[in-house]
C-alpha cells in the first residue's frame, strides 16, 4: 500500500525535490536531467514537458521510453533500503533514480554515476 502512495505522487513535485537536493550540493538541473535520461530514456525536453503536466510519479516510470538495462548495476542504500533488494520492480526503478541523485549530490563523477 505504501508503494501506491509513492506511485500516485505528482511527478513535478517529486522531481522538483530531487533537483533541489542536487542544487543544494552544487550540482545542476541539467545533471539531474542527464542521469534521469540515462535511466529512463526520456530526453531533457520530454522531462521538462512532463514537469508541466499532471503525470504521476509511477506513470513517469511506467511510460519511460527505454529503461537502461545497466540500471541493475546500481547498488547501495537509499533511505535505509538496499536498492538492489527492492522486490517491486517499479519501486526499484524509483529507488534507482533516488540513488543516482544521491551519488550526484555527493559529488561523484558523472561517468561513475552512469556506470560507464
PDB file of N, CA and C in Angstrom:
ATOM      1  N   UNK A   1       0.820  -1.198   0.000  1.00  0.00           N
ATOM      2  CA  UNK A   1       0.000   0.000   0.000  1.00  0.00           C
ATOM      3  C   UNK A   1       0.862   1.260   0.000  1.00  0.00           C
ATOM      4  N   UNK A   2       1.974   1.228   0.734  1.00  0.00           N
ATOM      5  CA  UNK A   2       2.869   2.376   0.778  1.00  0.00           C
ATOM      6  C   UNK A   2       3.393   2.702  -0.619  1.00  0.00           C
ATOM      7  N   UNK A   3       3.674   1.665  -1.410  1.00  0.00           N
ATOM      8  CA  UNK A   3       4.142   1.883  -2.778  1.00  0.00           C
ATOM      9  C   UNK A   3       3.130   2.678  -3.575  1.00  0.00           C
ATOM     10  N   UNK A   4       1.848   2.370  -3.411  1.00  0.00           N
ATOM     11  CA  UNK A   4       0.803   3.051  -4.178  1.00  0.00           C
ATOM     12  C   UNK A   4       0.792   4.550  -3.886  1.00  0.00           C
ATOM     13  N   UNK A   5       1.098   4.928  -2.658  1.00  0.00           N
ATOM     14  CA  UNK A   5       1.143   6.347  -2.314  1.00  0.00           C
ATOM     15  C   UNK A   5       2.265   7.042  -3.086  1.00  0.00           C
ATOM     16  N   UNK A   6       3.398   6.383  -3.189  1.00  0.00           N
ATOM     17  CA  UNK A   6       4.530   6.951  -3.926  1.00  0.00           C
ATOM     18  C   UNK A   6       4.197   7.029  -5.413  1.00  0.00           C
ATOM     19  N   UNK A   7       3.604   5.968  -5.945  1.00  0.00           N
ATOM     20  CA  UNK A   7       3.277   5.933  -7.372  1.00  0.00           C
ATOM     21  C   UNK A   7       2.284   7.027  -7.750  1.00  0.00           C
ATOM     22  N   UNK A   8       1.425   7.424  -6.803  1.00  0.00           N
ATOM     23  CA  UNK A   8       0.370   8.407  -7.075  1.00  0.00           C
ATOM     24  C   UNK A   8       0.801   9.844  -6.787  1.00  0.00           C
ATOM     25  N   UNK A   9       2.043  10.049  -6.389  1.00  0.00           N
ATOM     26  CA  UNK A   9       2.526  11.402  -6.130  1.00  0.00           C
ATOM     27  C   UNK A   9       2.743  12.131  -7.451  1.00  0.00           C
ATOM     28  N   UNK A  10       2.695  13.426  -7.397  1.00  0.00           N
ATOM     29  CA  UNK A  10       2.907  14.266  -8.578  1.00  0.00           C
ATOM     30  C   UNK A  10       4.373  14.180  -9.018  1.00  0.00           C
ATOM     31  N   UNK A  11       4.587  13.869 -10.295  1.00  0.00           N
ATOM     32  CA  UNK A  11       5.949  13.816 -10.819  1.00  0.00           C
ATOM     33  C   UNK A  11       6.661  15.145 -10.624  1.00  0.00           C
ATOM     34  N   UNK A  12       5.990  16.233 -10.955  1.00  0.00           N
ATOM     35  CA  UNK A  12       6.650  17.540 -10.880  1.00  0.00           C
ATOM     36  C   UNK A  12       7.088  17.870  -9.450  1.00  0.00           C
ATOM     37  N   UNK A  13       6.302  17.478  -8.482  1.00  0.00           N
ATOM     38  CA  UNK A  13       6.663  17.753  -7.088  1.00  0.00           C
ATOM     39  C   UNK A  13       7.881  16.927  -6.664  1.00  0.00           C
ATOM     40  N   UNK A  14       7.845  15.630  -6.924  1.00  0.00           N
ATOM     41  CA  UNK A  14       8.951  14.756  -6.510  1.00  0.00           C
ATOM     42  C   UNK A  14      10.224  15.106  -7.267  1.00  0.00           C
ATOM     43  N   UNK A  15      10.098  15.289  -8.575  1.00  0.00           N
ATOM     44  CA  UNK A  15      11.284  15.597  -9.385  1.00  0.00           C
ATOM     45  C   UNK A  15      11.869  16.951  -8.981  1.00  0.00           C
ATOM     46  N   UNK A  16      11.001  17.897  -8.658  1.00  0.00           N
ATOM     47  CA  UNK A  16      11.471  19.191  -8.172  1.00  0.00           C
ATOM     48  C   UNK A  16      12.294  19.053  -6.905  1.00  0.00           C
ATOM     49  N   UNK A  17      11.901  18.145  -6.029  1.00  0.00           N
ATOM     50  CA  UNK A  17      12.663  17.893  -4.802  1.00  0.00           C
ATOM     51  C   UNK A  17      14.028  17.278  -5.110  1.00  0.00           C
ATOM     52  N   UNK A  18      14.075  16.391  -6.107  1.00  0.00           N
ATOM     53  CA  UNK A  18      15.350  15.782  -6.499  1.00  0.00           C
ATOM     54  C   UNK A  18      16.298  16.850  -7.061  1.00  0.00           C
ATOM     55  N   UNK A  19      15.752  17.746  -7.879  1.00  0.00           N
ATOM     56  CA  UNK A  19      16.555  18.831  -8.439  1.00  0.00           C
ATOM     57  C   UNK A  19      17.070  19.734  -7.313  1.00  0.00           C
ATOM     58  N   UNK A  20      16.188  20.092  -6.394  1.00  0.00           N
ATOM     59  CA  UNK A  20      16.579  20.961  -5.276  1.00  0.00           C
ATOM     60  C   UNK A  20      17.687  20.330  -4.438  1.00  0.00           C
ATOM     61  N   UNK A  21      17.586  19.030  -4.206  1.00  0.00           N
ATOM     62  CA  UNK A  21      18.611  18.324  -3.430  1.00  0.00           C
ATOM     63  C   UNK A  21      19.965  18.423  -4.121  1.00  0.00           C
ATOM     64  N   UNK A  22      19.992  18.186  -5.416  1.00  0.00           N
ATOM     65  CA  UNK A  22      21.248  18.254  -6.167  1.00  0.00           C
ATOM     66  C   UNK A  22      21.795  19.678  -6.185  1.00  0.00           C
ATOM     67  N   UNK A  23      20.917  20.653  -6.393  1.00  0.00           N
ATOM     68  CA  UNK A  23      21.357  22.047  -6.460  1.00  0.00           C
ATOM     69  C   UNK A  23      21.912  22.539  -5.123  1.00  0.00           C
ATOM     70  N   UNK A  24      21.347  22.064  -4.014  1.00  0.00           N
ATOM     71  CA  UNK A  24      21.871  22.441  -2.686  1.00  0.00           C
ATOM     72  C   UNK A  24      23.321  21.984  -2.522  1.00  0.00           C
ATOM     73  N   UNK A  25      23.680  20.922  -3.225  1.00  0.00           N
ATOM     74  CA  UNK A  25      25.031  20.365  -3.127  1.00  0.00           C
ATOM     75  C   UNK A  25      25.932  20.827  -4.272  1.00  0.00           C
ATOM     76  N   UNK A  26      25.483  21.856  -5.014  1.00  0.00           N
ATOM     77  CA  UNK A  26      26.329  22.428  -6.053  1.00  0.00           C
ATOM     78  C   UNK A  26      26.224  21.767  -7.420  1.00  0.00           C
ATOM     79  N   UNK A  27      25.281  20.858  -7.594  1.00  0.00           N
ATOM     80  CA  UNK A  27      25.077  20.232  -8.903  1.00  0.00           C
ATOM     81  C   UNK A  27      23.960  20.980  -9.626  1.00  0.00           C
ATOM     82  N   UNK A  28      23.721  20.633 -10.881  1.00  0.00           N
ATOM     83  CA  UNK A  28      22.773  21.390 -11.692  1.00  0.00           C
ATOM     84  C   UNK A  28      21.552  20.572 -12.092  1.00  0.00           C
ATOM     85  N   UNK A  29      20.517  21.290 -12.495  1.00  0.00           N
ATOM     86  CA  UNK A  29      19.315  20.641 -13.019  1.00  0.00           C
ATOM     87  C   UNK A  29      19.675  19.819 -14.259  1.00  0.00           C
ATOM     88  N   UNK A  30      20.567  20.352 -15.083  1.00  0.00           N
ATOM     89  CA  UNK A  30      20.983  19.630 -16.293  1.00  0.00           C
ATOM     90  C   UNK A  30      21.621  18.289 -15.940  1.00  0.00           C
ATOM     91  N   UNK A  31      22.371  18.234 -14.855  1.00  0.00           N
ATOM     92  CA  UNK A  31      22.985  16.973 -14.437  1.00  0.00           C
ATOM     93  C   UNK A  31      21.923  15.989 -13.939  1.00  0.00           C
ATOM     94  N   UNK A  32      20.924  16.491 -13.227  1.00  0.00           N
ATOM     95  CA  UNK A  32      19.817  15.626 -12.785  1.00  0.00           C
ATOM     96  C   UNK A  32      19.086  15.088 -14.013  1.00  0.00           C
ATOM     97  N   UNK A  33      18.850  15.947 -14.997  1.00  0.00           N
ATOM     98  CA  UNK A  33      18.196  15.502 -16.228  1.00  0.00           C
ATOM     99  C   UNK A  33      19.048  14.483 -16.964  1.00  0.00           C
ATOM    100  N   UNK A  34      20.357  14.650 -16.934  1.00  0.00           N
ATOM    101  CA  UNK A  34      21.249  13.696 -17.599  1.00  0.00           C
ATOM    102  C   UNK A  34      21.142  12.305 -16.980  1.00  0.00           C
ATOM    103  N   UNK A  35      21.169  12.226 -15.649  1.00  0.00           N
ATOM    104  CA  UNK A  35      21.066  10.904 -15.022  1.00  0.00           C
ATOM    105  C   UNK A  35      19.657  10.329 -15.210  1.00  0.00           C
ATOM    106  N   UNK A  36      18.647  11.193 -15.209  1.00  0.00           N
ATOM    107  CA  UNK A  36      17.278  10.730 -15.432  1.00  0.00           C
ATOM    108  C   UNK A  36      17.119  10.206 -16.856  1.00  0.00           C
ATOM    109  N   UNK A  37      17.699  10.919 -17.809  1.00  0.00           N
ATOM    110  CA  UNK A  37      17.651  10.479 -19.213  1.00  0.00           C
ATOM    111  C   UNK A  37      18.372   9.149 -19.383  1.00  0.00           C
ATOM    112  N   UNK A  38      19.521   9.015 -18.753  1.00  0.00           N
ATOM    113  CA  UNK A  38      20.276   7.756 -18.822  1.00  0.00           C
ATOM    114  C   UNK A  38      19.426   6.601 -18.296  1.00  0.00           C
ATOM    115  N   UNK A  39      18.747   6.836 -17.187  1.00  0.00           N
ATOM    116  CA  UNK A  39      17.952   5.776 -16.555  1.00  0.00           C
ATOM    117  C   UNK A  39      16.695   5.439 -17.351  1.00  0.00           C
ATOM    118  N   UNK A  40      15.992   6.451 -17.835  1.00  0.00           N
ATOM    119  CA  UNK A  40      14.644   6.244 -18.371  1.00  0.00           C
ATOM    120  C   UNK A  40      14.516   6.314 -19.887  1.00  0.00           C
ATOM    121  N   UNK A  41      15.436   6.979 -20.545  1.00  0.00           N
ATOM    122  CA  UNK A  41      15.322   7.152 -21.985  1.00  0.00           C
ATOM    123  C   UNK A  41      14.575   8.407 -22.399  1.00  0.00           C
ATOM    124  N   UNK A  42      14.036   9.159 -21.442  1.00  0.00           N
ATOM    125  CA  UNK A  42      13.403  10.439 -21.762  1.00  0.00           C
ATOM    126  C   UNK A  42      14.489  11.444 -22.171  1.00  0.00           C
ATOM    127  N   UNK A  43      14.148  12.373 -23.058  1.00  0.00           N
ATOM    128  CA  UNK A  43      15.053  13.479 -23.362  1.00  0.00           C
ATOM    129  C   UNK A  43      14.832  14.572 -22.311  1.00  0.00           C
ATOM    130  N   UNK A  44      15.776  15.503 -22.248  1.00  0.00           N
ATOM    131  CA  UNK A  44      15.628  16.626 -21.318  1.00  0.00           C
ATOM    132  C   UNK A  44      14.357  17.412 -21.639  1.00  0.00           C
ATOM    133  N   UNK A  45      14.056  17.580 -22.918  1.00  0.00           N
ATOM    134  CA  UNK A  45      12.844  18.310 -23.312  1.00  0.00           C
ATOM    135  C   UNK A  45      11.585  17.572 -22.853  1.00  0.00           C
ATOM    136  N   UNK A  46      11.574  16.253 -23.004  1.00  0.00           N
ATOM    137  CA  UNK A  46      10.418  15.471 -22.546  1.00  0.00           C
ATOM    138  C   UNK A  46      10.242  15.594 -21.033  1.00  0.00           C
ATOM    139  N   UNK A  47      11.341  15.573 -20.310  1.00  0.00           N
ATOM    140  CA  UNK A  47      11.270  15.721 -18.849  1.00  0.00           C
ATOM    141  C   UNK A  47      10.702  17.090 -18.498  1.00  0.00           C
ATOM    142  N   UNK A  48      11.191  18.125 -19.163  1.00  0.00           N
ATOM    143  CA  UNK A  48      10.670  19.478 -18.921  1.00  0.00           C
ATOM    144  C   UNK A  48       9.176  19.552 -19.213  1.00  0.00           C
ATOM    145  N   UNK A  49       8.752  18.935 -20.320  1.00  0.00           N
ATOM    146  CA  UNK A  49       7.325  18.923 -20.669  1.00  0.00           C
ATOM    147  C   UNK A  49       6.510  18.198 -19.599  1.00  0.00           C
ATOM    148  N   UNK A  50       7.049  17.090 -19.086  1.00  0.00           N
ATOM    149  CA  UNK A  50       6.335  16.326 -18.061  1.00  0.00           C
ATOM    150  C   UNK A  50       6.258  17.085 -16.738  1.00  0.00           C
ATOM    151  N   UNK A  51       7.227  17.979 -16.500  1.00  0.00           N
ATOM    152  CA  UNK A  51       7.186  18.797 -15.289  1.00  0.00           C
ATOM    153  C   UNK A  51       5.965  19.722 -15.307  1.00  0.00           C
ATOM    154  N   UNK A  52       5.490  20.063 -16.499  1.00  0.00           N
ATOM    155  CA  UNK A  52       4.324  20.939 -16.638  1.00  0.00           C
ATOM    156  C   UNK A  52       3.026  20.160 -16.800  1.00  0.00           C
ATOM    157  N   UNK A  53       3.103  18.849 -16.659  1.00  0.00           N
ATOM    158  CA  UNK A  53       1.911  18.019 -16.843  1.00  0.00           C
ATOM    159  C   UNK A  53       1.389  17.526 -15.495  1.00  0.00           C
ATOM    160  N   UNK A  54       0.348  16.757 -15.546  1.00  0.00           N
ATOM    161  CA  UNK A  54      -0.278  16.194 -14.337  1.00  0.00           C
ATOM    162  C   UNK A  54       0.137  14.742 -14.108  1.00  0.00           C
ATOM    163  N   UNK A  55       1.209  14.284 -14.755  1.00  0.00           N
ATOM    164  CA  UNK A  55       1.599  12.877 -14.679  1.00  0.00           C
ATOM    165  C   UNK A  55       1.981  12.493 -13.245  1.00  0.00           C
ATOM    166  N   UNK A  56       1.636  11.271 -12.884  1.00  0.00           N
ATOM    167  CA  UNK A  56       2.006  10.722 -11.583  1.00  0.00           C
ATOM    168  C   UNK A  56       3.430  10.171 -11.659  1.00  0.00           C
ATOM    169  N   UNK A  57       4.081  10.099 -10.512  1.00  0.00           N
ATOM    170  CA  UNK A  57       5.461   9.623 -10.455  1.00  0.00           C
ATOM    171  C   UNK A  57       5.574   8.183 -10.964  1.00  0.00           C
ATOM    172  N   UNK A  58       4.659   7.329 -10.559  1.00  0.00           N
ATOM    173  CA  UNK A  58       4.676   5.944 -11.033  1.00  0.00           C
ATOM    174  C   UNK A  58       4.507   5.860 -12.543  1.00  0.00           C
ATOM    175  N   UNK A  59       3.630   6.682 -13.105  1.00  0.00           N
ATOM    176  CA  UNK A  59       3.405   6.670 -14.552  1.00  0.00           C
ATOM    177  C   UNK A  59       4.624   7.172 -15.317  1.00  0.00           C
ATOM    178  N   UNK A  60       5.367   8.093 -14.726  1.00  0.00           N
ATOM    179  CA  UNK A  60       6.604   8.557 -15.354  1.00  0.00           C
ATOM    180  C   UNK A  60       7.513   7.371 -15.643  1.00  0.00           C
ATOM    181  N   UNK A  61       7.628   6.461 -14.687  1.00  0.00           N
ATOM    182  CA  UNK A  61       8.486   5.282 -14.870  1.00  0.00           C
ATOM    183  C   UNK A  61       7.803   4.223 -15.730  1.00  0.00           C
ATOM    184  N   UNK A  62       6.510   4.027 -15.554  1.00  0.00           N
ATOM    185  CA  UNK A  62       5.788   3.036 -16.367  1.00  0.00           C
ATOM    186  C   UNK A  62       5.855   3.375 -17.847  1.00  0.00           C
ATOM    187  N   UNK A  63       5.818   4.664 -18.170  1.00  0.00           N
ATOM    188  CA  UNK A  63       5.778   5.117 -19.561  1.00  0.00           C
ATOM    189  C   UNK A  63       7.161   5.473 -20.104  1.00  0.00           C
ATOM    190  N   UNK A  64       8.199   5.176 -19.369  1.00  0.00           N
ATOM    191  CA  UNK A  64       9.561   5.526 -19.797  1.00  0.00           C
ATOM    192  C   UNK A  64       9.862   4.892 -21.152  1.00  0.00           C
ATOM    193  N   UNK A  65      10.452   5.671 -22.052  1.00  0.00           N
ATOM    194  CA  UNK A  65      10.725   5.170 -23.401  1.00  0.00           C
ATOM    195  C   UNK A  65      11.671   3.971 -23.441  1.00  0.00           C
ATOM    196  N   UNK A  66      12.706   3.976 -22.606  1.00  0.00           N
ATOM    197  CA  UNK A  66      13.699   2.892 -22.668  1.00  0.00           C
ATOM    198  C   UNK A  66      14.492   2.843 -21.367  1.00  0.00           C
ATOM    199  N   UNK A  67      14.015   2.047 -20.428  1.00  0.00           N
ATOM    200  CA  UNK A  67      14.755   1.907 -19.174  1.00  0.00           C
ATOM    201  C   UNK A  67      16.118   1.276 -19.482  1.00  0.00           C
ATOM    202  N   UNK A  68      17.163   1.864 -18.942  1.00  0.00           N
ATOM    203  CA  UNK A  68      18.523   1.433 -19.225  1.00  0.00           C
ATOM    204  C   UNK A  68      18.780   0.052 -18.617  1.00  0.00           C
ATOM    205  N   UNK A  69      19.218  -0.906 -19.433  1.00  0.00           N
ATOM    206  CA  UNK A  69      19.487  -2.243 -18.885  1.00  0.00           C
ATOM    207  C   UNK A  69      20.628  -2.246 -17.867  1.00  0.00           C
ATOM    208  N   UNK A  70      21.509  -1.258 -17.920  1.00  0.00           N
ATOM    209  CA  UNK A  70      22.613  -1.176 -16.959  1.00  0.00           C
ATOM    210  C   UNK A  70      22.171  -0.655 -15.600  1.00  0.00           C
ATOM    211  N   UNK A  71      20.893  -0.328 -15.452  1.00  0.00           N
ATOM    212  CA  UNK A  71      20.422   0.179 -14.158  1.00  0.00           C
ATOM    213  C   UNK A  71      20.599  -0.850 -13.054  1.00  0.00           C
ATOM    214  N   UNK A  72      20.667  -2.115 -13.437  1.00  0.00           N
ATOM    215  CA  UNK A  72      20.841  -3.162 -12.424  1.00  0.00           C
ATOM    216  C   UNK A  72      22.231  -3.138 -11.798  1.00  0.00           C
ATOM    217  N   UNK A  73      23.127  -2.337 -12.369  1.00  0.00           N
ATOM    218  CA  UNK A  73      24.453  -2.165 -11.777  1.00  0.00           C
ATOM    219  C   UNK A  73      24.423  -1.181 -10.617  1.00  0.00           C
ATOM    220  N   UNK A  74      23.296  -0.506 -10.442  1.00  0.00           N
ATOM    221  CA  UNK A  74      23.156   0.453  -9.347  1.00  0.00           C
ATOM    222  C   UNK A  74      22.882  -0.325  -8.066  1.00  0.00           C
ATOM    223  N   UNK A  75      23.791  -0.200  -7.129  1.00  0.00           N
ATOM    224  CA  UNK A  75      23.623  -0.892  -5.847  1.00  0.00           C
ATOM    225  C   UNK A  75      23.897   0.094  -4.720  1.00  0.00           C
ATOM    226  N   UNK A  76      23.443  -0.256  -3.555  1.00  0.00           N
ATOM    227  CA  UNK A  76      23.693   0.583  -2.401  1.00  0.00           C
ATOM    228  C   UNK A  76      22.420   0.886  -1.639  1.00  0.00           C
ATOM    229  N   UNK A  77      22.561   1.754  -0.661  1.00  0.00           N
ATOM    230  CA  UNK A  77      21.462   2.051   0.250  1.00  0.00           C
ATOM    231  C   UNK A  77      20.945   3.459  -0.009  1.00  0.00           C
ATOM    232  N   UNK A  78      19.624   3.574  -0.039  1.00  0.00           N
ATOM    233  CA  UNK A  78      18.951   4.866  -0.144  1.00  0.00           C
ATOM    234  C   UNK A  78      17.825   4.845   0.879  1.00  0.00           C
ATOM    235  N   UNK A  79      17.786   5.832   1.739  1.00  0.00           N
ATOM    236  CA  UNK A  79      16.756   5.896   2.801  1.00  0.00           C
ATOM    237  C   UNK A  79      16.710   4.604   3.608  1.00  0.00           C
ATOM    238  N   UNK A  80      17.868   4.032   3.876  1.00  0.00           N
ATOM    239  CA  UNK A  80      17.943   2.824   4.682  1.00  0.00           C
ATOM    240  C   UNK A  80      17.520   1.548   3.975  1.00  0.00           C
ATOM    241  N   UNK A  81      17.319   1.616   2.659  1.00  0.00           N
ATOM    242  CA  UNK A  81      16.863   0.447   1.894  1.00  0.00           C
ATOM    243  C   UNK A  81      17.895   0.123   0.814  1.00  0.00           C
ATOM    244  N   UNK A  82      18.283  -1.138   0.713  1.00  0.00           N
ATOM    245  CA  UNK A  82      19.182  -1.573  -0.361  1.00  0.00           C
ATOM    246  C   UNK A  82      18.393  -1.601  -1.655  1.00  0.00           C
ATOM    247  N   UNK A  83      18.784  -0.760  -2.621  1.00  0.00           N
ATOM    248  CA  UNK A  83      18.018  -0.639  -3.861  1.00  0.00           C
ATOM    249  C   UNK A  83      17.949  -1.953  -4.619  1.00  0.00           C
ATOM    250  N   UNK A  84      19.015  -2.722  -4.600  1.00  0.00           N
ATOM    251  CA  UNK A  84      19.031  -3.979  -5.352  1.00  0.00           C
ATOM    252  C   UNK A  84      18.125  -5.041  -4.740  1.00  0.00           C
ATOM    253  N   UNK A  85      17.667  -4.839  -3.511  1.00  0.00           N
ATOM    254  CA  UNK A  85      16.799  -5.815  -2.851  1.00  0.00           C
ATOM    255  C   UNK A  85      15.324  -5.434  -2.855  1.00  0.00           C
ATOM    256  N   UNK A  86      14.977  -4.309  -3.466  1.00  0.00           N
ATOM    257  CA  UNK A  86      13.571  -3.901  -3.526  1.00  0.00           C
ATOM    258  C   UNK A  86      12.842  -4.863  -4.458  1.00  0.00           C
ATOM    259  N   UNK A  87      11.792  -5.505  -3.952  1.00  0.00           N
ATOM    260  CA  UNK A  87      11.114  -6.544  -4.723  1.00  0.00           C
ATOM    261  C   UNK A  87      10.237  -6.003  -5.840  1.00  0.00           C
ATOM    262  N   UNK A  88       9.496  -4.934  -5.588  1.00  0.00           N
ATOM    263  CA  UNK A  88       8.613  -4.361  -6.600  1.00  0.00           C
ATOM    264  C   UNK A  88       9.475  -3.657  -7.651  1.00  0.00           C
ATOM    265  N   UNK A  89       9.378  -4.087  -8.910  1.00  0.00           N
ATOM    266  CA  UNK A  89      10.263  -3.558  -9.952  1.00  0.00           C
ATOM    267  C   UNK A  89      10.052  -2.065 -10.194  1.00  0.00           C
ATOM    268  N   UNK A  90       8.833  -1.580 -10.102  1.00  0.00           N
ATOM    269  CA  UNK A  90       8.574  -0.153 -10.292  1.00  0.00           C
ATOM    270  C   UNK A  90       9.199   0.651  -9.153  1.00  0.00           C
ATOM    271  N   UNK A  91       9.030   0.184  -7.935  1.00  0.00           N
ATOM    272  CA  UNK A  91       9.635   0.870  -6.787  1.00  0.00           C
ATOM    273  C   UNK A  91      11.165   0.796  -6.875  1.00  0.00           C
ATOM    274  N   UNK A  92      11.700  -0.309  -7.378  1.00  0.00           N
ATOM    275  CA  UNK A  92      13.148  -0.426  -7.544  1.00  0.00           C
ATOM    276  C   UNK A  92      13.649   0.627  -8.534  1.00  0.00           C
ATOM    277  N   UNK A  93      12.925   0.828  -9.642  1.00  0.00           N
ATOM    278  CA  UNK A  93      13.327   1.854 -10.609  1.00  0.00           C
ATOM    279  C   UNK A  93      13.284   3.250  -9.985  1.00  0.00           C
ATOM    280  N   UNK A  94      12.281   3.500  -9.170  1.00  0.00           N
ATOM    281  CA  UNK A  94      12.188   4.783  -8.463  1.00  0.00           C
ATOM    282  C   UNK A  94      13.386   4.945  -7.531  1.00  0.00           C
ATOM    283  N   UNK A  95      13.735   3.899  -6.821  1.00  0.00           N
ATOM    284  CA  UNK A  95      14.882   3.947  -5.906  1.00  0.00           C
ATOM    285  C   UNK A  95      16.195   4.112  -6.666  1.00  0.00           C
ATOM    286  N   UNK A  96      16.257   3.539  -7.880  1.00  0.00           N
ATOM    287  CA  UNK A  96      17.460   3.733  -8.699  1.00  0.00           C
ATOM    288  C   UNK A  96      17.669   5.219  -8.964  1.00  0.00           C
ATOM    289  N   UNK A  97      16.614   5.938  -9.321  1.00  0.00           N
ATOM    290  CA  UNK A  97      16.757   7.373  -9.572  1.00  0.00           C
ATOM    291  C   UNK A  97      17.159   8.100  -8.288  1.00  0.00           C
ATOM    292  N   UNK A  98      16.563   7.721  -7.168  1.00  0.00           N
ATOM    293  CA  UNK A  98      16.959   8.310  -5.879  1.00  0.00           C
ATOM    294  C   UNK A  98      18.456   8.117  -5.647  1.00  0.00           C
ATOM    295  N   UNK A  99      18.938   6.918  -5.909  1.00  0.00           N
ATOM    296  CA  UNK A  99      20.347   6.593  -5.686  1.00  0.00           C
ATOM    297  C   UNK A  99      21.248   7.401  -6.615  1.00  0.00           C
ATOM    298  N   UNK A 100      20.849   7.534  -7.885  1.00  0.00           N
ATOM    299  CA  UNK A 100      21.644   8.311  -8.831  1.00  0.00           C
ATOM    300  C   UNK A 100      21.754   9.770  -8.389  1.00  0.00           C
ATOM    301  N   UNK A 101      20.647  10.339  -7.946  1.00  0.00           N
ATOM    302  CA  UNK A 101      20.668  11.733  -7.484  1.00  0.00           C
ATOM    303  C   UNK A 101      21.483  11.848  -6.192  1.00  0.00           C
ATOM    304  N   UNK A 102      21.411  10.862  -5.313  1.00  0.00           N
ATOM    305  CA  UNK A 102      22.249  10.859  -4.106  1.00  0.00           C
ATOM    306  C   UNK A 102      23.731  10.886  -4.481  1.00  0.00           C
ATOM    307  N   UNK A 103      24.108  10.044  -5.441  1.00  0.00           N
ATOM    308  CA  UNK A 103      25.500   9.994  -5.866  1.00  0.00           C
ATOM    309  C   UNK A 103      25.920  11.326  -6.482  1.00  0.00           C
ATOM    310  N   UNK A 104      25.039  11.917  -7.252  1.00  0.00           N
ATOM    311  CA  UNK A 104      25.289  13.225  -7.854  1.00  0.00           C
ATOM    312  C   UNK A 104      25.509  14.263  -6.761  1.00  0.00           C
ATOM    313  N   UNK A 105      24.624  14.281  -5.779  1.00  0.00           N
ATOM    314  CA  UNK A 105      24.708  15.249  -4.687  1.00  0.00           C
ATOM    315  C   UNK A 105      25.971  15.059  -3.842  1.00  0.00           C
ATOM    316  N   UNK A 106      26.453  13.850  -3.797  1.00  0.00           N
ATOM    317  CA  UNK A 106      27.673  13.579  -3.017  1.00  0.00           C
ATOM    318  C   UNK A 106      28.942  13.908  -3.788  1.00  0.00           C
ATOM    319  N   UNK A 107      28.793  14.372  -5.034  1.00  0.00           N
ATOM    320  CA  UNK A 107      29.953  14.807  -5.800  1.00  0.00           C
ATOM    321  C   UNK A 107      30.621  13.731  -6.632  1.00  0.00           C
ATOM    322  N   UNK A 108      29.988  12.598  -6.768  1.00  0.00           N
ATOM    323  CA  UNK A 108      30.559  11.519  -7.561  1.00  0.00           C
ATOM    324  C   UNK A 108      30.662  11.955  -9.024  1.00  0.00           C
ATOM    325  N   UNK A 109      31.681  11.496  -9.715  1.00  0.00           N
ATOM    326  CA  UNK A 109      31.889  11.838 -11.118  1.00  0.00           C
ATOM    327  C   UNK A 109      30.780  11.237 -11.984  1.00  0.00           C
ATOM    328  N   UNK A 110      30.359  12.003 -12.996  1.00  0.00           N
ATOM    329  CA  UNK A 110      29.250  11.576 -13.841  1.00  0.00           C
ATOM    330  C   UNK A 110      29.505  10.227 -14.508  1.00  0.00           C
ATOM    331  N   UNK A 111      30.722   9.966 -14.964  1.00  0.00           N
ATOM    332  CA  UNK A 111      30.986   8.677 -15.635  1.00  0.00           C
ATOM    333  C   UNK A 111      30.821   7.494 -14.682  1.00  0.00           C
ATOM    334  N   UNK A 112      31.076   7.715 -13.399  1.00  0.00           N
ATOM    335  CA  UNK A 112      30.853   6.638 -12.414  1.00  0.00           C
ATOM    336  C   UNK A 112      29.370   6.490 -12.119  1.00  0.00           C
ATOM    337  N   UNK A 113      28.660   7.605 -12.037  1.00  0.00           N
ATOM    338  CA  UNK A 113      27.213   7.558 -11.783  1.00  0.00           C
ATOM    339  C   UNK A 113      26.513   6.810 -12.896  1.00  0.00           C
ATOM    340  N   UNK A 114      26.941   7.056 -14.142  1.00  0.00           N
ATOM    341  CA  UNK A 114      26.298   6.447 -15.305  1.00  0.00           C
ATOM    342  C   UNK A 114      26.869   5.062 -15.618  1.00  0.00           C
ATOM    343  N   UNK A 115      27.640   4.529 -14.712  1.00  0.00           N
ATOM    344  CA  UNK A 115      28.168   3.165 -14.820  1.00  0.00           C
ATOM    345  C   UNK A 115      28.867   2.925 -16.148  1.00  0.00           C
ATOM    346  N   UNK A 116      29.733   3.888 -16.531  1.00  0.00           N
ATOM    347  CA  UNK A 116      30.471   3.742 -17.809  1.00  0.00           C
ATOM    348  C   UNK A 116      31.766   3.007 -17.598  1.00  0.00           C
TER     349      UNK A 116
END
